[in-house]
């Protein structure tokens, strides 16, 4: 069996280091605690934060600001589109392919899909509220 040590390091970084080192003051300043009190702000915060730290750690962080798990889940799930980092599943699948070109092709489709599906889900959230 082959152990993918770089992928294991990514897991450690995302779930252990990020959680323990996340600066709540910086996150509040960046995301805006007032915006996170509203469903649309929480949704957008989850989608955007996912682009930088992946969607599962983003959900963990956002849970500190809101108990609205439905909106957090929608935000981080939509946030799984966009950059490859946005979802650890993206990274795993692209690494399994082992082709550098696959990374470019992934982003060619996933980056434009993020605002498209994001707008659709944001409209649904607005309609449901």
Foldseek 3Di string as FASTA:
>chain_A
DDDPVVLVVLVCCLPPVCVVPPDPVVLCVVLPLVLLVDLLSVLQQQLVVLQPRANVSSLVVSVVRDPPSVSSVNSLVLSVFAACSSHSVSVVVVVVVVDPVVNVVSNVPRNVVSVVVSVVVSVVVVVVD
